[in-house]
Amino acid sequence: MIIYNVTTNIHESVHDQWMLWMRHKHIPELLATGKFSSARMVRVLIEEEMGGTTYSVQYTTDSKETLEKYYQEDAAAFREEGLKLFGDKMLAFRTELELISDH
């Protein structure tokens, strides 16, 4: 199993708007691509010097190949929408993780 992790720091001035967009539009639309089986949103409990609130969204997919297909077919449009809506009020980075074991 592969976890596509997107960590985002969001500025206070757009926090509530971003949260609504994430929970009611962005995450459901990303899941609707059929390339991810679940998503989990968590708040990062470290305070950033730059301010804002940091979240991690972990999308679960079956394989690296499926994730690559997401990158090729869907990722650009999703990233563009976020930039258009939130611009420099949102800073995101992405990490690919492979699940080794659950306990």
PDB file of N, CA and C in Angstrom:
ATOM      1  N   MET A   1       0.838  -1.167   0.000  1.00  0.00           N
ATOM      2  CA  MET A   1       0.000   0.000   0.000  1.00  0.00           C
ATOM      3  C   MET A   1       0.888   1.237   0.000  1.00  0.00           C
ATOM      4  N   ILE A   2       0.479   2.246  -0.772  1.00  0.00           N
ATOM      5  CA  ILE A   2       1.207   3.505  -0.885  1.00  0.00           C
ATOM      6  C   ILE A   2       0.348   4.611  -0.275  1.00  0.00           C
ATOM      7  N   ILE A   3       1.001   5.487   0.480  1.00  0.00           N
ATOM      8  CA  ILE A   3       0.325   6.655   1.046  1.00  0.00           C
ATOM      9  C   ILE A   3       0.896   7.889   0.380  1.00  0.00           C
ATOM     10  N   TYR A   4       0.014   8.660  -0.236  1.00  0.00           N
ATOM     11  CA  TYR A   4       0.377   9.948  -0.841  1.00  0.00           C
ATOM     12  C   TYR A   4       0.044  10.995   0.208  1.00  0.00           C
ATOM     13  N   ASN A   5       1.065  11.584   0.794  1.00  0.00           N
ATOM     14  CA  ASN A   5       0.908  12.524   1.900  1.00  0.00           C
ATOM     15  C   ASN A   5       1.112  13.951   1.398  1.00  0.00           C
ATOM     16  N   VAL A   6       0.133  14.805   1.638  1.00  0.00           N
ATOM     17  CA  VAL A   6       0.244  16.217   1.276  1.00  0.00           C
ATOM     18  C   VAL A   6       0.190  17.025   2.570  1.00  0.00           C
ATOM     19  N   THR A   7       1.295  17.693   2.885  1.00  0.00           N
ATOM     20  CA  THR A   7       1.377  18.523   4.081  1.00  0.00           C
ATOM     21  C   THR A   7       1.224  19.977   3.652  1.00  0.00           C
ATOM     22  N   THR A   8       0.300  20.687   4.293  1.00  0.00           N
ATOM     23  CA  THR A   8      -0.036  22.048   3.889  1.00  0.00           C
ATOM     24  C   THR A   8      -0.054  22.963   5.096  1.00  0.00           C
ATOM     25  N   ASN A   9       0.611  24.112   4.966  1.00  0.00           N
ATOM     26  CA  ASN A   9       0.489  25.181   5.950  1.00  0.00           C
ATOM     27  C   ASN A   9      -0.448  26.215   5.350  1.00  0.00           C
ATOM     28  N   ILE A  10      -1.496  26.550   6.109  1.00  0.00           N
ATOM     29  CA  ILE A  10      -2.509  27.472   5.598  1.00  0.00           C
ATOM     30  C   ILE A  10      -2.576  28.710   6.497  1.00  0.00           C
ATOM     31  N   HIS A  11      -2.582  29.872   5.877  1.00  0.00           N
ATOM     32  CA  HIS A  11      -2.614  31.154   6.585  1.00  0.00           C
ATOM     33  C   HIS A  11      -3.953  31.343   7.286  1.00  0.00           C
ATOM     34  N   GLU A  12      -3.915  31.982   8.452  1.00  0.00           N
ATOM     35  CA  GLU A  12      -5.131  32.199   9.250  1.00  0.00           C
ATOM     36  C   GLU A  12      -6.236  32.912   8.473  1.00  0.00           C
ATOM     37  N   SER A  13      -5.857  33.814   7.582  1.00  0.00           N
ATOM     38  CA  SER A  13      -6.853  34.630   6.875  1.00  0.00           C
ATOM     39  C   SER A  13      -7.739  33.832   5.930  1.00  0.00           C
ATOM     40  N   VAL A  14      -7.292  32.636   5.524  1.00  0.00           N
ATOM     41  CA  VAL A  14      -8.093  31.803   4.618  1.00  0.00           C
ATOM     42  C   VAL A  14      -8.353  30.410   5.205  1.00  0.00           C
ATOM     43  N   HIS A  15      -8.017  30.236   6.460  1.00  0.00           N
ATOM     44  CA  HIS A  15      -8.109  28.917   7.084  1.00  0.00           C
ATOM     45  C   HIS A  15      -9.498  28.300   6.959  1.00  0.00           C
ATOM     46  N   ASP A  16     -10.528  29.025   7.364  1.00  0.00           N
ATOM     47  CA  ASP A  16     -11.875  28.453   7.377  1.00  0.00           C
ATOM     48  C   ASP A  16     -12.356  28.124   5.968  1.00  0.00           C
ATOM     49  N   GLN A  17     -12.073  29.022   5.016  1.00  0.00           N
ATOM     50  CA  GLN A  17     -12.446  28.785   3.614  1.00  0.00           C
ATOM     51  C   GLN A  17     -11.722  27.552   3.076  1.00  0.00           C
ATOM     52  N   TRP A  18     -10.418  27.438   3.379  1.00  0.00           N
ATOM     53  CA  TRP A  18      -9.626  26.292   2.931  1.00  0.00           C
ATOM     54  C   TRP A  18     -10.167  24.998   3.509  1.00  0.00           C
ATOM     55  N   MET A  19     -10.482  25.020   4.808  1.00  0.00           N
ATOM     56  CA  MET A  19     -10.976  23.814   5.467  1.00  0.00           C
ATOM     57  C   MET A  19     -12.295  23.342   4.839  1.00  0.00           C
ATOM     58  N   LEU A  20     -13.208  24.246   4.572  1.00  0.00           N
ATOM     59  CA  LEU A  20     -14.466  23.884   3.905  1.00  0.00           C
ATOM     60  C   LEU A  20     -14.196  23.295   2.525  1.00  0.00           C
ATOM     61  N   TRP A  21     -13.318  23.945   1.777  1.00  0.00           N
ATOM     62  CA  TRP A  21     -12.964  23.472   0.433  1.00  0.00           C
ATOM     63  C   TRP A  21     -12.349  22.078   0.496  1.00  0.00           C
ATOM     64  N   MET A  22     -11.430  21.874   1.425  1.00  0.00           N
ATOM     65  CA  MET A  22     -10.780  20.571   1.544  1.00  0.00           C
ATOM     66  C   MET A  22     -11.785  19.473   1.879  1.00  0.00           C
ATOM     67  N   ARG A  23     -12.606  19.699   2.888  1.00  0.00           N
ATOM     68  CA  ARG A  23     -13.492  18.650   3.396  1.00  0.00           C
ATOM     69  C   ARG A  23     -14.684  18.373   2.485  1.00  0.00           C
ATOM     70  N   HIS A  24     -15.174  19.402   1.802  1.00  0.00           N
ATOM     71  CA  HIS A  24     -16.411  19.233   1.036  1.00  0.00           C
ATOM     72  C   HIS A  24     -16.219  19.212  -0.482  1.00  0.00           C
ATOM     73  N   LYS A  25     -15.022  19.602  -0.957  1.00  0.00           N
ATOM     74  CA  LYS A  25     -14.810  19.613  -2.408  1.00  0.00           C
ATOM     75  C   LYS A  25     -13.538  18.859  -2.800  1.00  0.00           C
ATOM     76  N   HIS A  26     -12.393  19.350  -2.333  1.00  0.00           N
ATOM     77  CA  HIS A  26     -11.110  18.818  -2.804  1.00  0.00           C
ATOM     78  C   HIS A  26     -10.928  17.327  -2.495  1.00  0.00           C
ATOM     79  N   ILE A  27     -11.025  16.948  -1.234  1.00  0.00           N
ATOM     80  CA  ILE A  27     -10.825  15.544  -0.874  1.00  0.00           C
ATOM     81  C   ILE A  27     -11.860  14.644  -1.545  1.00  0.00           C
ATOM     82  N   PRO A  28     -13.168  14.992  -1.497  1.00  0.00           N
ATOM     83  CA  PRO A  28     -14.129  14.130  -2.205  1.00  0.00           C
ATOM     84  C   PRO A  28     -13.848  13.998  -3.703  1.00  0.00           C
ATOM     85  N   GLU A  29     -13.434  15.083  -4.356  1.00  0.00           N
ATOM     86  CA  GLU A  29     -13.137  15.013  -5.790  1.00  0.00           C
ATOM     87  C   GLU A  29     -11.894  14.170  -6.059  1.00  0.00           C
ATOM     88  N   LEU A  30     -10.904  14.277  -5.192  1.00  0.00           N
ATOM     89  CA  LEU A  30      -9.703  13.466  -5.376  1.00  0.00           C
ATOM     90  C   LEU A  30     -10.032  11.989  -5.198  1.00  0.00           C
ATOM     91  N   LEU A  31     -10.847  11.662  -4.213  1.00  0.00           N
ATOM     92  CA  LEU A  31     -11.276  10.272  -4.024  1.00  0.00           C
ATOM     93  C   LEU A  31     -12.116   9.788  -5.206  1.00  0.00           C
ATOM     94  N   ALA A  32     -12.887  10.696  -5.801  1.00  0.00           N
ATOM     95  CA  ALA A  32     -13.750  10.332  -6.934  1.00  0.00           C
ATOM     96  C   ALA A  32     -12.956   9.970  -8.187  1.00  0.00           C
ATOM     97  N   THR A  33     -11.667  10.256  -8.227  1.00  0.00           N
ATOM     98  CA  THR A  33     -10.856   9.831  -9.370  1.00  0.00           C
ATOM     99  C   THR A  33     -10.770   8.308  -9.427  1.00  0.00           C
ATOM    100  N   GLY A  34     -11.063   7.648  -8.319  1.00  0.00           N
ATOM    101  CA  GLY A  34     -10.966   6.197  -8.257  1.00  0.00           C
ATOM    102  C   GLY A  34      -9.555   5.681  -8.018  1.00  0.00           C
ATOM    103  N   LYS A  35      -8.608   6.586  -7.826  1.00  0.00           N
ATOM    104  CA  LYS A  35      -7.215   6.173  -7.662  1.00  0.00           C
ATOM    105  C   LYS A  35      -6.805   6.023  -6.200  1.00  0.00           C
ATOM    106  N   PHE A  36      -7.667   6.467  -5.294  1.00  0.00           N
ATOM    107  CA  PHE A  36      -7.381   6.383  -3.860  1.00  0.00           C
ATOM    108  C   PHE A  36      -8.557   5.732  -3.160  1.00  0.00           C
ATOM    109  N   SER A  37      -8.264   4.903  -2.161  1.00  0.00           N
ATOM    110  CA  SER A  37      -9.324   4.192  -1.452  1.00  0.00           C
ATOM    111  C   SER A  37      -9.784   4.912  -0.194  1.00  0.00           C
ATOM    112  N   SER A  38      -8.951   5.799   0.340  1.00  0.00           N
ATOM    113  CA  SER A  38      -9.325   6.541   1.542  1.00  0.00           C
ATOM    114  C   SER A  38      -8.452   7.765   1.688  1.00  0.00           C
ATOM    115  N   ALA A  39      -8.899   8.660   2.569  1.00  0.00           N
ATOM    116  CA  ALA A  39      -8.117   9.853   2.893  1.00  0.00           C
ATOM    117  C   ALA A  39      -8.281  10.141   4.376  1.00  0.00           C
ATOM    118  N   ARG A  40      -7.214  10.584   4.979  1.00  0.00           N
ATOM    119  CA  ARG A  40      -7.231  10.954   6.394  1.00  0.00           C
ATOM    120  C   ARG A  40      -6.582  12.323   6.524  1.00  0.00           C
ATOM    121  N   MET A  41      -7.286  13.252   7.210  1.00  0.00           N
ATOM    122  CA  MET A  41      -6.736  14.588   7.454  1.00  0.00           C
ATOM    123  C   MET A  41      -6.388  14.702   8.934  1.00  0.00           C
ATOM    124  N   VAL A  42      -5.160  15.146   9.197  1.00  0.00           N
ATOM    125  CA  VAL A  42      -4.711  15.353  10.569  1.00  0.00           C
ATOM    126  C   VAL A  42      -4.062  16.726  10.685  1.00  0.00           C
ATOM    127  N   ARG A  43      -4.145  17.300  11.878  1.00  0.00           N
ATOM    128  CA  ARG A  43      -3.477  18.573  12.139  1.00  0.00           C
ATOM    129  C   ARG A  43      -2.107  18.278  12.723  1.00  0.00           C
ATOM    130  N   VAL A  44      -1.094  18.977  12.239  1.00  0.00           N
ATOM    131  CA  VAL A  44       0.267  18.850  12.751  1.00  0.00           C
ATOM    132  C   VAL A  44       0.347  19.716  14.012  1.00  0.00           C
ATOM    133  N   LEU A  45       0.813  19.126  15.106  1.00  0.00           N
ATOM    134  CA  LEU A  45       0.771  19.806  16.400  1.00  0.00           C
ATOM    135  C   LEU A  45       2.000  20.645  16.711  1.00  0.00           C
ATOM    136  N   ILE A  46       2.836  20.879  15.739  1.00  0.00           N
ATOM    137  CA  ILE A  46       4.011  21.741  15.907  1.00  0.00           C
ATOM    138  C   ILE A  46       3.644  23.139  15.430  1.00  0.00           C
ATOM    139  N   GLU A  47       3.953  24.152  16.240  1.00  0.00           N
ATOM    140  CA  GLU A  47       3.709  25.526  15.800  1.00  0.00           C
ATOM    141  C   GLU A  47       4.837  25.962  14.883  1.00  0.00           C
ATOM    142  N   GLU A  48       4.440  26.491  13.723  1.00  0.00           N
ATOM    143  CA  GLU A  48       5.413  26.947  12.738  1.00  0.00           C
ATOM    144  C   GLU A  48       5.828  28.394  13.034  1.00  0.00           C
ATOM    145  N   GLU A  49       7.105  28.699  12.827  1.00  0.00           N
ATOM    146  CA  GLU A  49       7.583  30.071  13.001  1.00  0.00           C
ATOM    147  C   GLU A  49       6.861  31.024  12.069  1.00  0.00           C
ATOM    148  N   MET A  50       6.489  30.538  10.881  1.00  0.00           N
ATOM    149  CA  MET A  50       5.831  31.389   9.893  1.00  0.00           C
ATOM    150  C   MET A  50       4.358  31.620  10.226  1.00  0.00           C
ATOM    151  N   GLY A  51       3.861  30.941  11.267  1.00  0.00           N
ATOM    152  CA  GLY A  51       2.456  31.064  11.628  1.00  0.00           C
ATOM    153  C   GLY A  51       1.609  30.104  10.833  1.00  0.00           C
ATOM    154  N   GLY A  52       0.305  30.346  10.841  1.00  0.00           N
ATOM    155  CA  GLY A  52      -0.612  29.479  10.137  1.00  0.00           C
ATOM    156  C   GLY A  52      -0.808  28.160  10.863  1.00  0.00           C
ATOM    157  N   THR A  53      -1.594  27.301  10.273  1.00  0.00           N
ATOM    158  CA  THR A  53      -1.861  25.970  10.804  1.00  0.00           C
ATOM    159  C   THR A  53      -1.438  24.959   9.749  1.00  0.00           C
ATOM    160  N   THR A  54      -0.806  23.886  10.194  1.00  0.00           N
ATOM    161  CA  THR A  54      -0.313  22.873   9.269  1.00  0.00           C
ATOM    162  C   THR A  54      -1.141  21.596   9.397  1.00  0.00           C
ATOM    163  N   TYR A  55      -1.493  21.041   8.243  1.00  0.00           N
ATOM    164  CA  TYR A  55      -2.269  19.810   8.167  1.00  0.00           C
ATOM    165  C   TYR A  55      -1.545  18.821   7.257  1.00  0.00           C
ATOM    166  N   SER A  56      -1.818  17.543   7.502  1.00  0.00           N
ATOM    167  CA  SER A  56      -1.358  16.486   6.622  1.00  0.00           C
ATOM    168  C   SER A  56      -2.586  15.718   6.158  1.00  0.00           C
ATOM    169  N   VAL A  57      -2.692  15.517   4.850  1.00  0.00           N
ATOM    170  CA  VAL A  57      -3.747  14.671   4.311  1.00  0.00           C
ATOM    171  C   VAL A  57      -3.071  13.464   3.682  1.00  0.00           C
ATOM    172  N   GLN A  58      -3.473  12.286   4.132  1.00  0.00           N
ATOM    173  CA  GLN A  58      -2.860  11.037   3.687  1.00  0.00           C
ATOM    174  C   GLN A  58      -3.867  10.267   2.846  1.00  0.00           C
ATOM    175  N   TYR A  59      -3.575  10.158   1.570  1.00  0.00           N
ATOM    176  CA  TYR A  59      -4.426   9.439   0.620  1.00  0.00           C
ATOM    177  C   TYR A  59      -3.821   8.060   0.395  1.00  0.00           C
ATOM    178  N   THR A  60      -4.630   7.022   0.531  1.00  0.00           N
ATOM    179  CA  THR A  60      -4.169   5.651   0.389  1.00  0.00           C
ATOM    180  C   THR A  60      -4.489   5.138  -1.010  1.00  0.00           C
ATOM    181  N   THR A  61      -3.472   4.516  -1.629  1.00  0.00           N
ATOM    182  CA  THR A  61      -3.661   3.909  -2.943  1.00  0.00           C
ATOM    183  C   THR A  61      -3.012   2.528  -2.963  1.00  0.00           C
ATOM    184  N   ASP A  62      -3.370   1.733  -3.944  1.00  0.00           N
ATOM    185  CA  ASP A  62      -2.915   0.345  -3.967  1.00  0.00           C
ATOM    186  C   ASP A  62      -1.486   0.151  -4.450  1.00  0.00           C
ATOM    187  N   SER A  63      -0.969   1.096  -5.264  1.00  0.00           N
ATOM    188  CA  SER A  63       0.359   0.872  -5.843  1.00  0.00           C
ATOM    189  C   SER A  63       0.999   2.165  -6.313  1.00  0.00           C
ATOM    190  N   LYS A  64       2.293   2.091  -6.512  1.00  0.00           N
ATOM    191  CA  LYS A  64       3.056   3.216  -7.076  1.00  0.00           C
ATOM    192  C   LYS A  64       2.556   3.514  -8.487  1.00  0.00           C
ATOM    193  N   GLU A  65       2.162   2.489  -9.219  1.00  0.00           N
ATOM    194  CA  GLU A  65       1.655   2.672 -10.589  1.00  0.00           C
ATOM    195  C   GLU A  65       0.362   3.488 -10.592  1.00  0.00           C
ATOM    196  N   THR A  66      -0.521   3.211  -9.650  1.00  0.00           N
ATOM    197  CA  THR A  66      -1.768   3.973  -9.561  1.00  0.00           C
ATOM    198  C   THR A  66      -1.474   5.415  -9.195  1.00  0.00           C
ATOM    199  N   LEU A  67      -0.513   5.625  -8.293  1.00  0.00           N
ATOM    200  CA  LEU A  67      -0.127   6.993  -7.931  1.00  0.00           C
ATOM    201  C   LEU A  67       0.457   7.712  -9.135  1.00  0.00           C
ATOM    202  N   GLU A  68       1.273   7.042  -9.923  1.00  0.00           N
ATOM    203  CA  GLU A  68       1.837   7.650 -11.136  1.00  0.00           C
ATOM    204  C   GLU A  68       0.724   8.032 -12.111  1.00  0.00           C
ATOM    205  N   LYS A  69      -0.274   7.191 -12.214  1.00  0.00           N
ATOM    206  CA  LYS A  69      -1.419   7.485 -13.080  1.00  0.00           C
ATOM    207  C   LYS A  69      -2.142   8.747 -12.596  1.00  0.00           C
ATOM    208  N   TYR A  70      -2.283   8.895 -11.274  1.00  0.00           N
ATOM    209  CA  TYR A  70      -2.864  10.120 -10.705  1.00  0.00           C
ATOM    210  C   TYR A  70      -2.033  11.336 -11.111  1.00  0.00           C
ATOM    211  N   TYR A  71      -0.705  11.234 -10.971  1.00  0.00           N
ATOM    212  CA  TYR A  71       0.166  12.348 -11.350  1.00  0.00           C
ATOM    213  C   TYR A  71      -0.046  12.728 -12.816  1.00  0.00           C
ATOM    214  N   GLN A  72      -0.116  11.745 -13.681  1.00  0.00           N
ATOM    215  CA  GLN A  72      -0.231  11.997 -15.122  1.00  0.00           C
ATOM    216  C   GLN A  72      -1.600  12.541 -15.516  1.00  0.00           C
ATOM    217  N   GLU A  73      -2.654  12.048 -14.895  1.00  0.00           N
ATOM    218  CA  GLU A  73      -4.007  12.366 -15.346  1.00  0.00           C
ATOM    219  C   GLU A  73      -4.723  13.450 -14.541  1.00  0.00           C
ATOM    220  N   ASP A  74      -4.376  13.635 -13.272  1.00  0.00           N
ATOM    221  CA  ASP A  74      -5.211  14.466 -12.401  1.00  0.00           C
ATOM    222  C   ASP A  74      -4.472  15.546 -11.609  1.00  0.00           C
ATOM    223  N   ALA A  75      -3.253  15.289 -11.217  1.00  0.00           N
ATOM    224  CA  ALA A  75      -2.568  16.134 -10.236  1.00  0.00           C
ATOM    225  C   ALA A  75      -2.498  17.602 -10.635  1.00  0.00           C
ATOM    226  N   ALA A  76      -2.163  17.880 -11.878  1.00  0.00           N
ATOM    227  CA  ALA A  76      -1.978  19.276 -12.296  1.00  0.00           C
ATOM    228  C   ALA A  76      -3.243  20.107 -12.085  1.00  0.00           C
ATOM    229  N   ALA A  77      -4.390  19.570 -12.423  1.00  0.00           N
ATOM    230  CA  ALA A  77      -5.646  20.315 -12.264  1.00  0.00           C
ATOM    231  C   ALA A  77      -5.958  20.562 -10.793  1.00  0.00           C
ATOM    232  N   PHE A  78      -5.716  19.572  -9.942  1.00  0.00           N
ATOM    233  CA  PHE A  78      -5.976  19.751  -8.512  1.00  0.00           C
ATOM    234  C   PHE A  78      -5.044  20.799  -7.913  1.00  0.00           C
ATOM    235  N   ARG A  79      -3.778  20.762  -8.277  1.00  0.00           N
ATOM    236  CA  ARG A  79      -2.811  21.743  -7.753  1.00  0.00           C
ATOM    237  C   ARG A  79      -3.147  23.138  -8.244  1.00  0.00           C
ATOM    238  N   GLU A  80      -3.526  23.253  -9.509  1.00  0.00           N
ATOM    239  CA  GLU A  80      -3.864  24.548 -10.087  1.00  0.00           C
ATOM    240  C   GLU A  80      -5.061  25.176  -9.370  1.00  0.00           C
ATOM    241  N   GLU A  81      -6.071  24.368  -9.061  1.00  0.00           N
ATOM    242  CA  GLU A  81      -7.242  24.900  -8.368  1.00  0.00           C
ATOM    243  C   GLU A  81      -6.859  25.448  -6.995  1.00  0.00           C
ATOM    244  N   GLY A  82      -6.047  24.722  -6.250  1.00  0.00           N
ATOM    245  CA  GLY A  82      -5.605  25.188  -4.934  1.00  0.00           C
ATOM    246  C   GLY A  82      -4.827  26.485  -5.018  1.00  0.00           C
ATOM    247  N   LEU A  83      -3.932  26.574  -5.985  1.00  0.00           N
ATOM    248  CA  LEU A  83      -3.158  27.805  -6.167  1.00  0.00           C
ATOM    249  C   LEU A  83      -4.042  28.973  -6.560  1.00  0.00           C
ATOM    250  N   LYS A  84      -5.015  28.716  -7.418  1.00  0.00           N
ATOM    251  CA  LYS A  84      -5.919  29.770  -7.854  1.00  0.00           C
ATOM    252  C   LYS A  84      -6.749  30.301  -6.678  1.00  0.00           C
ATOM    253  N   LEU A  85      -7.202  29.415  -5.823  1.00  0.00           N
ATOM    254  CA  LEU A  85      -8.052  29.816  -4.700  1.00  0.00           C
ATOM    255  C   LEU A  85      -7.271  30.444  -3.552  1.00  0.00           C
ATOM    256  N   PHE A  86      -6.059  29.933  -3.267  1.00  0.00           N
ATOM    257  CA  PHE A  86      -5.371  30.328  -2.041  1.00  0.00           C
ATOM    258  C   PHE A  86      -3.982  30.933  -2.252  1.00  0.00           C
ATOM    259  N   GLY A  87      -3.433  30.807  -3.446  1.00  0.00           N
ATOM    260  CA  GLY A  87      -2.164  31.446  -3.793  1.00  0.00           C
ATOM    261  C   GLY A  87      -1.088  31.275  -2.743  1.00  0.00           C
ATOM    262  N   ASP A  88      -0.477  32.391  -2.361  1.00  0.00           N
ATOM    263  CA  ASP A  88       0.639  32.348  -1.420  1.00  0.00           C
ATOM    264  C   ASP A  88       0.185  32.222   0.037  1.00  0.00           C
ATOM    265  N   LYS A  89      -1.102  32.051   0.265  1.00  0.00           N
ATOM    266  CA  LYS A  89      -1.626  31.826   1.624  1.00  0.00           C
ATOM    267  C   LYS A  89      -1.555  30.333   1.986  1.00  0.00           C
ATOM    268  N   MET A  90      -1.098  29.529   1.027  1.00  0.00           N
ATOM    269  CA  MET A  90      -1.025  28.083   1.199  1.00  0.00           C
ATOM    270  C   MET A  90       0.348  27.605   0.721  1.00  0.00           C
ATOM    271  N   LEU A  91       1.020  26.852   1.571  1.00  0.00           N
ATOM    272  CA  LEU A  91       2.311  26.270   1.210  1.00  0.00           C
ATOM    273  C   LEU A  91       2.201  24.766   1.400  1.00  0.00           C
ATOM    274  N   ALA A  92       2.423  23.993   0.333  1.00  0.00           N
ATOM    275  CA  ALA A  92       2.244  22.546   0.405  1.00  0.00           C
ATOM    276  C   ALA A  92       3.477  21.808  -0.100  1.00  0.00           C
ATOM    277  N   PHE A  93       3.735  20.662   0.494  1.00  0.00           N
ATOM    278  CA  PHE A  93       4.725  19.742  -0.059  1.00  0.00           C
ATOM    279  C   PHE A  93       4.178  18.329   0.039  1.00  0.00           C
ATOM    280  N   ARG A  94       4.674  17.480  -0.822  1.00  0.00           N
ATOM    281  CA  ARG A  94       4.148  16.129  -0.972  1.00  0.00           C
ATOM    282  C   ARG A  94       5.219  15.088  -0.683  1.00  0.00           C
ATOM    283  N   THR A  95       4.775  13.971  -0.086  1.00  0.00           N
ATOM    284  CA  THR A  95       5.658  12.872   0.253  1.00  0.00           C
ATOM    285  C   THR A  95       4.979  11.569  -0.132  1.00  0.00           C
ATOM    286  N   GLU A  96       5.736  10.643  -0.675  1.00  0.00           N
ATOM    287  CA  GLU A  96       5.222   9.308  -0.970  1.00  0.00           C
ATOM    288  C   GLU A  96       5.738   8.363   0.100  1.00  0.00           C
ATOM    289  N   LEU A  97       4.824   7.589   0.684  1.00  0.00           N
ATOM    290  CA  LEU A  97       5.173   6.654   1.741  1.00  0.00           C
ATOM    291  C   LEU A  97       4.724   5.253   1.360  1.00  0.00           C
ATOM    292  N   GLU A  98       5.486   4.255   1.756  1.00  0.00           N
ATOM    293  CA  GLU A  98       5.085   2.870   1.540  1.00  0.00           C
ATOM    294  C   GLU A  98       4.812   2.228   2.886  1.00  0.00           C
ATOM    295  N   LEU A  99       3.620   1.667   3.054  1.00  0.00           N
ATOM    296  CA  LEU A  99       3.273   0.982   4.292  1.00  0.00           C
ATOM    297  C   LEU A  99       4.046  -0.336   4.370  1.00  0.00           C
ATOM    298  N   ILE A 100       4.768  -0.515   5.473  1.00  0.00           N
ATOM    299  CA  ILE A 100       5.525  -1.738   5.694  1.00  0.00           C
ATOM    300  C   ILE A 100       4.705  -2.713   6.520  1.00  0.00           C
ATOM    301  N   SER A 101       4.086  -2.209   7.602  1.00  0.00           N
ATOM    302  CA  SER A 101       3.250  -3.085   8.425  1.00  0.00           C
ATOM    303  C   SER A 101       2.312  -2.267   9.293  1.00  0.00           C
ATOM    304  N   ASP A 102       1.187  -2.876   9.634  1.00  0.00           N
ATOM    305  CA  ASP A 102       0.232  -2.328  10.599  1.00  0.00           C
ATOM    306  C   ASP A 102       0.326  -3.175  11.851  1.00  0.00           C
ATOM    307  N   HIS A 103       0.168  -2.553  13.012  1.00  0.00           N
ATOM    308  CA  HIS A 103       0.220  -3.307  14.274  1.00  0.00           C
ATOM    309  C   HIS A 103      -0.944  -2.928  15.152  1.00  0.00           C
TER     310      HIS A 103
END
